[in-house]
C-alpha atoms as a PDB file:
ATOM      1  CA  UNK A   1     323.422 171.076 100.398  1.00  0.00           C
ATOM      2  CA  UNK A   2     322.712 173.479 103.249  1.00  0.00           C
ATOM      3  CA  UNK A   3     322.116 172.455 106.848  1.00  0.00           C
ATOM      4  CA  UNK A   4     318.578 173.823 106.616  1.00  0.00           C
ATOM      5  CA  UNK A   5     317.794 171.682 103.539  1.00  0.00           C
ATOM      6  CA  UNK A   6     319.132 168.594 105.331  1.00  0.00           C
ATOM      7  CA  UNK A   7     317.071 169.305 108.454  1.00  0.00           C
ATOM      8  CA  UNK A   8     313.923 169.880 106.366  1.00  0.00           C
ATOM      9  CA  UNK A   9     314.373 166.578 104.490  1.00  0.00           C
ATOM     10  CA  UNK A  10     315.100 164.650 107.687  1.00  0.00           C
ATOM     11  CA  UNK A  11     312.098 166.166 109.461  1.00  0.00           C
ATOM     12  CA  UNK A  12     309.864 165.384 106.464  1.00  0.00           C
ATOM     13  CA  UNK A  13     310.797 161.705 106.320  1.00  0.00           C
ATOM     14  CA  UNK A  14     310.540 161.303 110.083  1.00  0.00           C
ATOM     15  CA  UNK A  15     306.970 162.613 109.940  1.00  0.00           C
ATOM     16  CA  UNK A  16     305.848 161.087 106.636  1.00  0.00           C
ATOM     17  CA  UNK A  17     307.656 157.746 106.519  1.00  0.00           C
ATOM     18  CA  UNK A  18     308.203 156.879 110.175  1.00  0.00           C
ATOM     19  CA  UNK A  19     305.028 158.611 111.429  1.00  0.00           C
ATOM     20  CA  UNK A  20     306.775 160.376 114.300  1.00  0.00           C
ATOM     21  CA  UNK A  21     304.753 163.163 115.897  1.00  0.00           C
ATOM     22  CA  UNK A  22     306.065 166.568 114.877  1.00  0.00           C
ATOM     23  CA  UNK A  23     306.193 167.727 118.513  1.00  0.00           C
ATOM     24  CA  UNK A  24     308.770 165.001 119.250  1.00  0.00           C
ATOM     25  CA  UNK A  25     311.137 166.323 116.573  1.00  0.00           C
ATOM     26  CA  UNK A  26     313.608 168.881 117.939  1.00  0.00           C
ATOM     27  CA  UNK A  27     317.401 169.271 117.799  1.00  0.00           C
ATOM     28  CA  UNK A  28     318.202 167.655 121.134  1.00  0.00           C
ATOM     29  CA  UNK A  29     315.583 164.906 120.785  1.00  0.00           C
ATOM     30  CA  UNK A  30     317.092 161.494 121.427  1.00  0.00           C
ATOM     31  CA  UNK A  31     316.452 159.238 118.429  1.00  0.00           C
ATOM     32  CA  UNK A  32     315.675 156.191 120.545  1.00  0.00           C
ATOM     33  CA  UNK A  33     314.264 157.577 123.798  1.00  0.00           C
ATOM     34  CA  UNK A  34     312.367 160.691 122.646  1.00  0.00           C
ATOM     35  CA  UNK A  35     311.334 159.719 119.116  1.00  0.00           C
ATOM     36  CA  UNK A  36     310.999 155.981 119.662  1.00  0.00           C
ATOM     37  CA  UNK A  37     313.180 154.985 116.706  1.00  0.00           C
ATOM     38  CA  UNK A  38     314.001 151.288 116.973  1.00  0.00           C
ATOM     39  CA  UNK A  39     316.156 148.909 114.943  1.00  0.00           C
ATOM     40  CA  UNK A  40     313.390 148.265 112.403  1.00  0.00           C
ATOM     41  CA  UNK A  41     312.930 152.003 111.896  1.00  0.00           C
ATOM     42  CA  UNK A  42     316.678 152.323 111.430  1.00  0.00           C
ATOM     43  CA  UNK A  43     316.525 149.896 108.488  1.00  0.00           C
ATOM     44  CA  UNK A  44     313.959 152.217 106.888  1.00  0.00           C
ATOM     45  CA  UNK A  45     316.131 155.247 107.664  1.00  0.00           C
ATOM     46  CA  UNK A  46     319.107 153.655 105.866  1.00  0.00           C
ATOM     47  CA  UNK A  47     316.998 153.231 102.705  1.00  0.00           C
ATOM     48  CA  UNK A  48     315.473 156.718 102.956  1.00  0.00           C
ATOM     49  CA  UNK A  49     318.842 158.424 103.507  1.00  0.00           C
ATOM     50  CA  UNK A  50     320.330 156.603 100.522  1.00  0.00           C
ATOM     51  CA  UNK A  51     317.406 157.710  98.347  1.00  0.00           C
ATOM     52  CA  UNK A  52     317.378 161.330  99.562  1.00  0.00           C
ATOM     53  CA  UNK A  53     321.072 162.021 100.123  1.00  0.00           C
ATOM     54  CA  UNK A  54     322.882 159.521  97.890  1.00  0.00           C
ATOM     55  CA  UNK A  55     325.013 157.593 100.383  1.00  0.00           C
ATOM     56  CA  UNK A  56     324.705 154.481 102.525  1.00  0.00           C
ATOM     57  CA  UNK A  57     324.815 154.721 106.296  1.00  0.00           C
ATOM     58  CA  UNK A  58     327.381 152.404 107.840  1.00  0.00           C
ATOM     59  CA  UNK A  59     326.283 151.141 111.276  1.00  0.00           C
ATOM     60  CA  UNK A  60     329.741 151.776 112.707  1.00  0.00           C
ATOM     61  CA  UNK A  61     329.443 155.463 111.689  1.00  0.00           C
ATOM     62  CA  UNK A  62     326.310 155.797 113.819  1.00  0.00           C
ATOM     63  CA  UNK A  63     328.016 154.807 117.091  1.00  0.00           C
ATOM     64  CA  UNK A  64     327.639 157.781 119.393  1.00  0.00           C
ATOM     65  CA  UNK A  65     324.916 159.430 117.310  1.00  0.00           C
ATOM     66  CA  UNK A  66     322.070 159.738 119.776  1.00  0.00           C
ATOM     67  CA  UNK A  67     320.268 163.009 119.000  1.00  0.00           C
ATOM     68  CA  UNK A  68     318.564 164.434 115.942  1.00  0.00           C
ATOM     69  CA  UNK A  69     321.161 167.203 115.766  1.00  0.00           C
ATOM     70  CA  UNK A  70     324.021 164.662 115.762  1.00  0.00           C
ATOM     71  CA  UNK A  71     322.236 162.683 113.035  1.00  0.00           C
ATOM     72  CA  UNK A  72     321.926 165.827 110.900  1.00  0.00           C
ATOM     73  CA  UNK A  73     325.620 166.595 111.595  1.00  0.00           C
ATOM     74  CA  UNK A  74     326.494 163.137 110.293  1.00  0.00           C
ATOM     75  CA  UNK A  75     324.418 163.586 107.119  1.00  0.00           C
ATOM     76  CA  UNK A  76     325.809 167.080 106.535  1.00  0.00           C
ATOM     77  CA  UNK A  77     329.384 165.795 106.817  1.00  0.00           C
ATOM     78  CA  UNK A  78     328.750 162.906 104.405  1.00  0.00           C
ATOM     79  CA  UNK A  79     326.874 165.030 101.852  1.00  0.00           C
ATOM     80  CA  UNK A  80     329.403 167.867 101.830  1.00  0.00           C
ATOM     81  CA  UNK A  81     332.613 165.777 101.835  1.00  0.00           C
END
């Protein structure tokens, strides 16, 4: 799966499922501070990622992932391994 496909899917579920304003979604956007993603949203993200990308997010893998770009890096690595 290409990086562009991953970014498009992530952007789509952030807008559609988590109802994040499109203008808050950019590469360097901080998941928590800029987009307002909290622990309850993260539970939804785990389910959505599993459905869309076919793997489960492990909380320990997300340590240090703070921006949208880093989150897409993480997904890209898991999908293409």
